[in-house]
Amino acid sequence: MREYLQDDYAANRAVKQVLREGLFKSEKFLEFNCNRVVDSLKEFRLWLADFADRGGGPMENSLVAKTERVYQNAHGKKRIIISAPLMLRRLRNLVG
């Protein structure tokens, strides 16, 4: 997927600034894969449309077409797994 990451970059800059200014202290940082599981093409299309509507990136017709093709040719129980890295940082407020 081609995602728009401007909001992520702005959030990273804001965290760096409050750490630099001594307003907060970083206590813990975790990075892990976040998996979203959908059971049907309809659910996948709804998730992708919602993602695009929220400014996450353009609706990619080629991705939808490829996913539909693979899903239709799969045998047995079918699921679509959407995997992306997720980063969490716990901050402690030092001024309040």
PDB file of N, CA and C in Angstrom:
ATOM      1  N   MET A   1       0.836  -1.187   0.000  1.00  0.00           N
ATOM      2  CA  MET A   1       0.000   0.000   0.000  1.00  0.00           C
ATOM      3  C   MET A   1       0.877   1.245   0.000  1.00  0.00           C
ATOM      4  N   ARG A   2       0.369   2.265  -0.616  1.00  0.00           N
ATOM      5  CA  ARG A   2       1.022   3.569  -0.565  1.00  0.00           C
ATOM      6  C   ARG A   2       0.268   4.397   0.463  1.00  0.00           C
ATOM      7  N   GLU A   3       0.884   4.578   1.621  1.00  0.00           N
ATOM      8  CA  GLU A   3       0.212   5.295   2.697  1.00  0.00           C
ATOM      9  C   GLU A   3       0.711   6.725   2.802  1.00  0.00           C
ATOM     10  N   TYR A   4      -0.179   7.609   3.260  1.00  0.00           N
ATOM     11  CA  TYR A   4       0.214   8.967   3.584  1.00  0.00           C
ATOM     12  C   TYR A   4       0.641   8.969   5.046  1.00  0.00           C
ATOM     13  N   LEU A   5       1.859   9.356   5.305  1.00  0.00           N
ATOM     14  CA  LEU A   5       2.398   9.276   6.664  1.00  0.00           C
ATOM     15  C   LEU A   5       2.656  10.643   7.281  1.00  0.00           C
ATOM     16  N   GLN A   6       2.083  11.706   6.702  1.00  0.00           N
ATOM     17  CA  GLN A   6       2.339  13.050   7.214  1.00  0.00           C
ATOM     18  C   GLN A   6       1.937  13.180   8.686  1.00  0.00           C
ATOM     19  N   ASP A   7       0.791  12.608   9.075  1.00  0.00           N
ATOM     20  CA  ASP A   7       0.352  12.689  10.469  1.00  0.00           C
ATOM     21  C   ASP A   7       1.327  11.953  11.391  1.00  0.00           C
ATOM     22  N   ASP A   8       1.833  10.823  10.941  1.00  0.00           N
ATOM     23  CA  ASP A   8       2.805  10.069  11.739  1.00  0.00           C
ATOM     24  C   ASP A   8       4.086  10.876  11.930  1.00  0.00           C
ATOM     25  N   TYR A   9       4.558  11.490  10.837  1.00  0.00           N
ATOM     26  CA  TYR A   9       5.778  12.291  10.935  1.00  0.00           C
ATOM     27  C   TYR A   9       5.582  13.487  11.867  1.00  0.00           C
ATOM     28  N   ALA A  10       4.421  14.122  11.794  1.00  0.00           N
ATOM     29  CA  ALA A  10       4.129  15.264  12.683  1.00  0.00           C
ATOM     30  C   ALA A  10       4.082  14.809  14.139  1.00  0.00           C
ATOM     31  N   ALA A  11       3.494  13.663  14.398  1.00  0.00           N
ATOM     32  CA  ALA A  11       3.438  13.135  15.771  1.00  0.00           C
ATOM     33  C   ALA A  11       4.843  12.823  16.282  1.00  0.00           C
ATOM     34  N   ASN A  12       5.677  12.234  15.438  1.00  0.00           N
ATOM     35  CA  ASN A  12       7.059  11.939  15.842  1.00  0.00           C
ATOM     36  C   ASN A  12       7.822  13.215  16.177  1.00  0.00           C
ATOM     37  N   ARG A  13       7.638  14.266  15.363  1.00  0.00           N
ATOM     38  CA  ARG A  13       8.304  15.545  15.641  1.00  0.00           C
ATOM     39  C   ARG A  13       7.821  16.140  16.963  1.00  0.00           C
ATOM     40  N   ALA A  14       6.523  16.034  17.240  1.00  0.00           N
ATOM     41  CA  ALA A  14       5.966  16.575  18.485  1.00  0.00           C
ATOM     42  C   ALA A  14       6.526  15.845  19.702  1.00  0.00           C
ATOM     43  N   VAL A  15       6.629  14.531  19.616  1.00  0.00           N
ATOM     44  CA  VAL A  15       7.191  13.758  20.732  1.00  0.00           C
ATOM     45  C   VAL A  15       8.650  14.143  20.949  1.00  0.00           C
ATOM     46  N   LYS A  16       9.427  14.232  19.881  1.00  0.00           N
ATOM     47  CA  LYS A  16      10.832  14.627  20.007  1.00  0.00           C
ATOM     48  C   LYS A  16      10.959  16.003  20.657  1.00  0.00           C
ATOM     49  N   GLN A  17      10.061  16.917  20.303  1.00  0.00           N
ATOM     50  CA  GLN A  17      10.130  18.270  20.851  1.00  0.00           C
ATOM     51  C   GLN A  17       9.849  18.286  22.355  1.00  0.00           C
ATOM     52  N   VAL A  18       8.801  17.589  22.808  1.00  0.00           N
ATOM     53  CA  VAL A  18       8.495  17.617  24.247  1.00  0.00           C
ATOM     54  C   VAL A  18       9.552  16.869  25.050  1.00  0.00           C
ATOM     55  N   LEU A  19      10.198  15.868  24.451  1.00  0.00           N
ATOM     56  CA  LEU A  19      11.312  15.191  25.127  1.00  0.00           C
ATOM     57  C   LEU A  19      12.509  16.129  25.228  1.00  0.00           C
ATOM     58  N   ARG A  20      12.806  16.818  24.132  1.00  0.00           N
ATOM     59  CA  ARG A  20      13.937  17.754  24.094  1.00  0.00           C
ATOM     60  C   ARG A  20      13.746  18.898  25.088  1.00  0.00           C
ATOM     61  N   GLU A  21      12.504  19.368  25.229  1.00  0.00           N
ATOM     62  CA  GLU A  21      12.204  20.476  26.142  1.00  0.00           C
ATOM     63  C   GLU A  21      12.101  20.030  27.592  1.00  0.00           C
ATOM     64  N   GLY A  22      12.194  18.737  27.845  1.00  0.00           N
ATOM     65  CA  GLY A  22      12.142  18.230  29.212  1.00  0.00           C
ATOM     66  C   GLY A  22      10.748  18.203  29.804  1.00  0.00           C
ATOM     67  N   LEU A  23       9.736  18.289  28.997  1.00  0.00           N
ATOM     68  CA  LEU A  23       8.360  18.251  29.485  1.00  0.00           C
ATOM     69  C   LEU A  23       7.907  16.827  29.798  1.00  0.00           C
ATOM     70  N   PHE A  24       8.450  15.871  29.072  1.00  0.00           N
ATOM     71  CA  PHE A  24       8.126  14.466  29.260  1.00  0.00           C
ATOM     72  C   PHE A  24       9.408  13.645  29.218  1.00  0.00           C
ATOM     73  N   LYS A  25       9.334  12.461  29.812  1.00  0.00           N
ATOM     74  CA  LYS A  25      10.437  11.499  29.765  1.00  0.00           C
ATOM     75  C   LYS A  25       9.901  10.225  29.127  1.00  0.00           C
ATOM     76  N   SER A  26      10.672   9.667  28.222  1.00  0.00           N
ATOM     77  CA  SER A  26      10.276   8.407  27.580  1.00  0.00           C
ATOM     78  C   SER A  26      10.576   7.264  28.538  1.00  0.00           C
ATOM     79  N   GLU A  27       9.538   6.492  28.861  1.00  0.00           N
ATOM     80  CA  GLU A  27       9.714   5.387  29.811  1.00  0.00           C
ATOM     81  C   GLU A  27       9.819   4.028  29.135  1.00  0.00           C
ATOM     82  N   LYS A  28       9.080   3.849  28.074  1.00  0.00           N
ATOM     83  CA  LYS A  28       9.064   2.535  27.428  1.00  0.00           C
ATOM     84  C   LYS A  28       8.701   2.704  25.961  1.00  0.00           C
ATOM     85  N   PHE A  29       9.284   1.841  25.133  1.00  0.00           N
ATOM     86  CA  PHE A  29       9.004   1.862  23.705  1.00  0.00           C
ATOM     87  C   PHE A  29       8.822   0.430  23.236  1.00  0.00           C
ATOM     88  N   LEU A  30       7.731   0.184  22.521  1.00  0.00           N
ATOM     89  CA  LEU A  30       7.450  -1.142  21.966  1.00  0.00           C
ATOM     90  C   LEU A  30       7.176  -1.009  20.477  1.00  0.00           C
ATOM     91  N   GLU A  31       7.671  -1.958  19.711  1.00  0.00           N
ATOM     92  CA  GLU A  31       7.338  -2.035  18.286  1.00  0.00           C
ATOM     93  C   GLU A  31       6.959  -3.479  17.991  1.00  0.00           C
ATOM     94  N   PHE A  32       5.827  -3.651  17.328  1.00  0.00           N
ATOM     95  CA  PHE A  32       5.356  -4.999  17.016  1.00  0.00           C
ATOM     96  C   PHE A  32       4.452  -4.943  15.793  1.00  0.00           C
ATOM     97  N   ASN A  33       4.200  -6.101  15.211  1.00  0.00           N
ATOM     98  CA  ASN A  33       3.285  -6.179  14.075  1.00  0.00           C
ATOM     99  C   ASN A  33       1.856  -6.193  14.576  1.00  0.00           C
ATOM    100  N   CYS A  34       1.037  -5.384  13.977  1.00  0.00           N
ATOM    101  CA  CYS A  34      -0.385  -5.341  14.279  1.00  0.00           C
ATOM    102  C   CYS A  34      -1.112  -6.003  13.116  1.00  0.00           C
ATOM    103  N   ASN A  35      -1.836  -7.075  13.396  1.00  0.00           N
ATOM    104  CA  ASN A  35      -2.557  -7.800  12.354  1.00  0.00           C
ATOM    105  C   ASN A  35      -4.050  -7.546  12.483  1.00  0.00           C
ATOM    106  N   ARG A  36      -4.644  -7.147  11.379  1.00  0.00           N
ATOM    107  CA  ARG A  36      -6.095  -7.024  11.287  1.00  0.00           C
ATOM    108  C   ARG A  36      -6.561  -8.181  10.415  1.00  0.00           C
ATOM    109  N   VAL A  37      -7.549  -8.910  10.873  1.00  0.00           N
ATOM    110  CA  VAL A  37      -8.022 -10.078  10.145  1.00  0.00           C
ATOM    111  C   VAL A  37      -9.450  -9.827   9.694  1.00  0.00           C
ATOM    112  N   VAL A  38      -9.689 -10.025   8.393  1.00  0.00           N
ATOM    113  CA  VAL A  38     -11.038  -9.902   7.856  1.00  0.00           C
ATOM    114  C   VAL A  38     -11.385 -11.233   7.185  1.00  0.00           C
ATOM    115  N   ASP A  39     -12.651 -11.582   7.227  1.00  0.00           N
ATOM    116  CA  ASP A  39     -13.089 -12.895   6.746  1.00  0.00           C
ATOM    117  C   ASP A  39     -13.637 -12.903   5.329  1.00  0.00           C
ATOM    118  N   SER A  40     -13.778 -11.736   4.724  1.00  0.00           N
ATOM    119  CA  SER A  40     -14.382 -11.706   3.389  1.00  0.00           C
ATOM    120  C   SER A  40     -13.830 -10.535   2.578  1.00  0.00           C
ATOM    121  N   LEU A  41     -14.044 -10.622   1.279  1.00  0.00           N
ATOM    122  CA  LEU A  41     -13.646  -9.515   0.403  1.00  0.00           C
ATOM    123  C   LEU A  41     -14.446  -8.257   0.722  1.00  0.00           C
ATOM    124  N   LYS A  42     -15.715  -8.437   1.076  1.00  0.00           N
ATOM    125  CA  LYS A  42     -16.549  -7.283   1.433  1.00  0.00           C
ATOM    126  C   LYS A  42     -15.955  -6.551   2.630  1.00  0.00           C
ATOM    127  N   GLU A  43     -15.550  -7.299   3.665  1.00  0.00           N
ATOM    128  CA  GLU A  43     -14.933  -6.672   4.846  1.00  0.00           C
ATOM    129  C   GLU A  43     -13.624  -5.974   4.468  1.00  0.00           C
ATOM    130  N   PHE A  44     -12.843  -6.609   3.592  1.00  0.00           N
ATOM    131  CA  PHE A  44     -11.582  -6.007   3.157  1.00  0.00           C
ATOM    132  C   PHE A  44     -11.834  -4.691   2.436  1.00  0.00           C
ATOM    133  N   ARG A  45     -12.793  -4.692   1.505  1.00  0.00           N
ATOM    134  CA  ARG A  45     -13.116  -3.461   0.773  1.00  0.00           C
ATOM    135  C   ARG A  45     -13.594  -2.368   1.723  1.00  0.00           C
ATOM    136  N   LEU A  46     -14.418  -2.731   2.714  1.00  0.00           N
ATOM    137  CA  LEU A  46     -14.904  -1.746   3.693  1.00  0.00           C
ATOM    138  C   LEU A  46     -13.742  -1.178   4.504  1.00  0.00           C
ATOM    139  N   TRP A  47     -12.829  -2.057   4.951  1.00  0.00           N
ATOM    140  CA  TRP A  47     -11.676  -1.594   5.717  1.00  0.00           C
ATOM    141  C   TRP A  47     -10.818  -0.658   4.876  1.00  0.00           C
ATOM    142  N   LEU A  48     -10.547  -1.044   3.627  1.00  0.00           N
ATOM    143  CA  LEU A  48      -9.699  -0.241   2.756  1.00  0.00           C
ATOM    144  C   LEU A  48     -10.344   1.111   2.437  1.00  0.00           C
ATOM    145  N   ALA A  49     -11.650   1.115   2.208  1.00  0.00           N
ATOM    146  CA  ALA A  49     -12.355   2.375   1.934  1.00  0.00           C
ATOM    147  C   ALA A  49     -12.311   3.284   3.158  1.00  0.00           C
ATOM    148  N   ASP A  50     -12.508   2.710   4.350  1.00  0.00           N
ATOM    149  CA  ASP A  50     -12.442   3.504   5.587  1.00  0.00           C
ATOM    150  C   ASP A  50     -11.037   4.066   5.781  1.00  0.00           C
ATOM    151  N   PHE A  51     -10.026   3.246   5.518  1.00  0.00           N
ATOM    152  CA  PHE A  51      -8.637   3.681   5.636  1.00  0.00           C
ATOM    153  C   PHE A  51      -8.366   4.862   4.703  1.00  0.00           C
ATOM    154  N   ALA A  52      -8.832   4.758   3.462  1.00  0.00           N
ATOM    155  CA  ALA A  52      -8.637   5.838   2.482  1.00  0.00           C
ATOM    156  C   ALA A  52      -9.406   7.090   2.895  1.00  0.00           C
ATOM    157  N   ASP A  53     -10.648   6.919   3.374  1.00  0.00           N
ATOM    158  CA  ASP A  53     -11.469   8.059   3.798  1.00  0.00           C
ATOM    159  C   ASP A  53     -10.847   8.817   4.963  1.00  0.00           C
ATOM    160  N   ARG A  54     -10.120   8.125   5.810  1.00  0.00           N
ATOM    161  CA  ARG A  54      -9.489   8.757   6.974  1.00  0.00           C
ATOM    162  C   ARG A  54      -8.154   9.399   6.627  1.00  0.00           C
ATOM    163  N   GLY A  55      -7.836   9.427   5.342  1.00  0.00           N
ATOM    164  CA  GLY A  55      -6.599  10.088   4.915  1.00  0.00           C
ATOM    165  C   GLY A  55      -5.388   9.190   4.951  1.00  0.00           C
ATOM    166  N   GLY A  56      -5.580   7.867   5.046  1.00  0.00           N
ATOM    167  CA  GLY A  56      -4.452   6.950   5.137  1.00  0.00           C
ATOM    168  C   GLY A  56      -3.713   6.736   3.839  1.00  0.00           C
ATOM    169  N   GLY A  57      -4.363   6.997   2.734  1.00  0.00           N
ATOM    170  CA  GLY A  57      -3.716   6.799   1.441  1.00  0.00           C
ATOM    171  C   GLY A  57      -4.772   6.593   0.375  1.00  0.00           C
ATOM    172  N   PRO A  58      -4.346   6.524  -0.857  1.00  0.00           N
ATOM    173  CA  PRO A  58      -5.301   6.365  -1.956  1.00  0.00           C
ATOM    174  C   PRO A  58      -5.864   4.955  -2.008  1.00  0.00           C
ATOM    175  N   MET A  59      -7.066   4.832  -2.535  1.00  0.00           N
ATOM    176  CA  MET A  59      -7.662   3.522  -2.776  1.00  0.00           C
ATOM    177  C   MET A  59      -6.895   2.897  -3.934  1.00  0.00           C
ATOM    178  N   GLU A  60      -6.313   1.757  -3.721  1.00  0.00           N
ATOM    179  CA  GLU A  60      -5.470   1.134  -4.732  1.00  0.00           C
ATOM    180  C   GLU A  60      -6.228   0.022  -5.435  1.00  0.00           C
ATOM    181  N   ASN A  61      -6.689   0.312  -6.637  1.00  0.00           N
ATOM    182  CA  ASN A  61      -7.456  -0.672  -7.401  1.00  0.00           C
ATOM    183  C   ASN A  61      -6.643  -1.916  -7.714  1.00  0.00           C
ATOM    184  N   SER A  62      -5.342  -1.762  -7.954  1.00  0.00           N
ATOM    185  CA  SER A  62      -4.514  -2.930  -8.258  1.00  0.00           C
ATOM    186  C   SER A  62      -4.405  -3.852  -7.041  1.00  0.00           C
ATOM    187  N   LEU A  63      -4.328  -3.271  -5.840  1.00  0.00           N
ATOM    188  CA  LEU A  63      -4.280  -4.074  -4.613  1.00  0.00           C
ATOM    189  C   LEU A  63      -5.593  -4.823  -4.419  1.00  0.00           C
ATOM    190  N   VAL A  64      -6.702  -4.144  -4.653  1.00  0.00           N
ATOM    191  CA  VAL A  64      -8.015  -4.782  -4.525  1.00  0.00           C
ATOM    192  C   VAL A  64      -8.142  -5.918  -5.531  1.00  0.00           C
ATOM    193  N   ALA A  65      -7.751  -5.679  -6.768  1.00  0.00           N
ATOM    194  CA  ALA A  65      -7.855  -6.703  -7.816  1.00  0.00           C
ATOM    195  C   ALA A  65      -6.989  -7.920  -7.486  1.00  0.00           C
ATOM    196  N   LYS A  66      -5.765  -7.674  -7.039  1.00  0.00           N
ATOM    197  CA  LYS A  66      -4.869  -8.787  -6.699  1.00  0.00           C
ATOM    198  C   LYS A  66      -5.420  -9.570  -5.509  1.00  0.00           C
ATOM    199  N   THR A  67      -5.897  -8.869  -4.483  1.00  0.00           N
ATOM    200  CA  THR A  67      -6.465  -9.536  -3.310  1.00  0.00           C
ATOM    201  C   THR A  67      -7.678 -10.366  -3.706  1.00  0.00           C
ATOM    202  N   GLU A  68      -8.540  -9.819  -4.546  1.00  0.00           N
ATOM    203  CA  GLU A  68      -9.725 -10.563  -4.999  1.00  0.00           C
ATOM    204  C   GLU A  68      -9.319 -11.818  -5.765  1.00  0.00           C
ATOM    205  N   ARG A  69      -8.329 -11.702  -6.632  1.00  0.00           N
ATOM    206  CA  ARG A  69      -7.874 -12.839  -7.431  1.00  0.00           C
ATOM    207  C   ARG A  69      -7.321 -13.952  -6.529  1.00  0.00           C
ATOM    208  N   VAL A  70      -6.462 -13.591  -5.594  1.00  0.00           N
ATOM    209  CA  VAL A  70      -5.872 -14.580  -4.693  1.00  0.00           C
ATOM    210  C   VAL A  70      -6.949 -15.196  -3.797  1.00  0.00           C
ATOM    211  N   TYR A  71      -7.846 -14.376  -3.286  1.00  0.00           N
ATOM    212  CA  TYR A  71      -8.909 -14.857  -2.413  1.00  0.00           C
ATOM    213  C   TYR A  71      -9.802 -15.861  -3.145  1.00  0.00           C
ATOM    214  N   GLN A  72     -10.174 -15.543  -4.375  1.00  0.00           N
ATOM    215  CA  GLN A  72     -11.051 -16.423  -5.157  1.00  0.00           C
ATOM    216  C   GLN A  72     -10.379 -17.761  -5.462  1.00  0.00           C
ATOM    217  N   ASN A  73      -9.062 -17.766  -5.632  1.00  0.00           N
ATOM    218  CA  ASN A  73      -8.344 -18.994  -5.972  1.00  0.00           C
ATOM    219  C   ASN A  73      -7.920 -19.811  -4.749  1.00  0.00           C
ATOM    220  N   ALA A  74      -8.103 -19.274  -3.559  1.00  0.00           N
ATOM    221  CA  ALA A  74      -7.721 -19.991  -2.335  1.00  0.00           C
ATOM    222  C   ALA A  74      -8.773 -21.056  -2.003  1.00  0.00           C
ATOM    223  N   HIS A  75      -8.310 -22.134  -1.388  1.00  0.00           N
ATOM    224  CA  HIS A  75      -9.199 -23.230  -0.992  1.00  0.00           C
ATOM    225  C   HIS A  75      -9.323 -23.259   0.528  1.00  0.00           C
ATOM    226  N   GLY A  76     -10.402 -23.829   1.014  1.00  0.00           N
ATOM    227  CA  GLY A  76     -10.596 -23.963   2.455  1.00  0.00           C
ATOM    228  C   GLY A  76     -11.074 -22.667   3.076  1.00  0.00           C
ATOM    229  N   LYS A  77     -10.884 -22.584   4.397  1.00  0.00           N
ATOM    230  CA  LYS A  77     -11.294 -21.373   5.121  1.00  0.00           C
ATOM    231  C   LYS A  77     -10.423 -20.203   4.673  1.00  0.00           C
ATOM    232  N   LYS A  78     -11.059 -19.099   4.344  1.00  0.00           N
ATOM    233  CA  LYS A  78     -10.338 -17.945   3.816  1.00  0.00           C
ATOM    234  C   LYS A  78     -10.382 -16.785   4.800  1.00  0.00           C
ATOM    235  N   ARG A  79      -9.231 -16.134   4.926  1.00  0.00           N
ATOM    236  CA  ARG A  79      -9.124 -14.906   5.703  1.00  0.00           C
ATOM    237  C   ARG A  79      -8.114 -14.012   5.016  1.00  0.00           C
ATOM    238  N   ILE A  80      -8.291 -12.732   5.212  1.00  0.00           N
ATOM    239  CA  ILE A  80      -7.325 -11.754   4.706  1.00  0.00           C
ATOM    240  C   ILE A  80      -6.689 -11.119   5.932  1.00  0.00           C
ATOM    241  N   ILE A  81      -5.359 -11.144   5.972  1.00  0.00           N
ATOM    242  CA  ILE A  81      -4.638 -10.587   7.119  1.00  0.00           C
ATOM    243  C   ILE A  81      -3.889  -9.345   6.647  1.00  0.00           C
ATOM    244  N   ILE A  82      -4.190  -8.232   7.284  1.00  0.00           N
ATOM    245  CA  ILE A  82      -3.556  -6.954   6.979  1.00  0.00           C
ATOM    246  C   ILE A  82      -2.543  -6.708   8.094  1.00  0.00           C
ATOM    247  N   SER A  83      -1.281  -6.685   7.750  1.00  0.00           N
ATOM    248  CA  SER A  83      -0.221  -6.593   8.742  1.00  0.00           C
ATOM    249  C   SER A  83       0.551  -5.285   8.567  1.00  0.00           C
ATOM    250  N   ALA A  84       0.800  -4.622   9.685  1.00  0.00           N
ATOM    251  CA  ALA A  84       1.574  -3.375   9.656  1.00  0.00           C
ATOM    252  C   ALA A  84       2.302  -3.202  10.985  1.00  0.00           C
ATOM    253  N   PRO A  85       3.466  -2.573  10.959  1.00  0.00           N
ATOM    254  CA  PRO A  85       4.167  -2.334  12.223  1.00  0.00           C
ATOM    255  C   PRO A  85       3.438  -1.269  13.044  1.00  0.00           C
ATOM    256  N   LEU A  86       3.471  -1.448  14.343  1.00  0.00           N
ATOM    257  CA  LEU A  86       2.866  -0.484  15.261  1.00  0.00           C
ATOM    258  C   LEU A  86       3.909  -0.141  16.310  1.00  0.00           C
ATOM    259  N   MET A  87       4.065   1.151  16.574  1.00  0.00           N
ATOM    260  CA  MET A  87       5.031   1.602  17.568  1.00  0.00           C
ATOM    261  C   MET A  87       4.298   2.350  18.670  1.00  0.00           C
ATOM    262  N   LEU A  88       4.579   1.979  19.893  1.00  0.00           N
ATOM    263  CA  LEU A  88       3.976   2.631  21.063  1.00  0.00           C
ATOM    264  C   LEU A  88       5.083   3.134  21.974  1.00  0.00           C
ATOM    265  N   ARG A  89       4.891   4.337  22.493  1.00  0.00           N
ATOM    266  CA  ARG A  89       5.858   4.907  23.430  1.00  0.00           C
ATOM    267  C   ARG A  89       5.090   5.432  24.639  1.00  0.00           C
ATOM    268  N   ARG A  90       5.544   5.034  25.823  1.00  0.00           N
ATOM    269  CA  ARG A  90       4.935   5.548  27.055  1.00  0.00           C
ATOM    270  C   ARG A  90       5.788   6.710  27.556  1.00  0.00           C
ATOM    271  N   LEU A  91       5.118   7.844  27.797  1.00  0.00           N
ATOM    272  CA  LEU A  91       5.798   9.046  28.273  1.00  0.00           C
ATOM    273  C   LEU A  91       5.335   9.387  29.689  1.00  0.00           C
ATOM    274  N   ARG A  92       6.241   9.924  30.486  1.00  0.00           N
ATOM    275  CA  ARG A  92       5.893  10.406  31.835  1.00  0.00           C
ATOM    276  C   ARG A  92       5.955  11.933  31.811  1.00  0.00           C
ATOM    277  N   ASN A  93       4.866  12.550  32.265  1.00  0.00           N
ATOM    278  CA  ASN A  93       4.779  14.006  32.340  1.00  0.00           C
ATOM    279  C   ASN A  93       5.685  14.479  33.478  1.00  0.00           C
ATOM    280  N   LEU A  94       6.609  15.367  33.194  1.00  0.00           N
ATOM    281  CA  LEU A  94       7.564  15.847  34.193  1.00  0.00           C
ATOM    282  C   LEU A  94       7.191  17.221  34.762  1.00  0.00           C
ATOM    283  N   VAL A  95       6.149  17.846  34.245  1.00  0.00           N
ATOM    284  CA  VAL A  95       5.819  19.200  34.711  1.00  0.00           C
ATOM    285  C   VAL A  95       4.471  19.264  35.411  1.00  0.00           C
ATOM    286  N   GLY A  96       3.725  18.220  35.431  1.00  0.00           N
ATOM    287  CA  GLY A  96       2.383  18.299  35.991  1.00  0.00           C
ATOM    288  C   GLY A  96       2.228  17.478  37.150  1.00  0.00           C
TER     289      GLY A  96
END
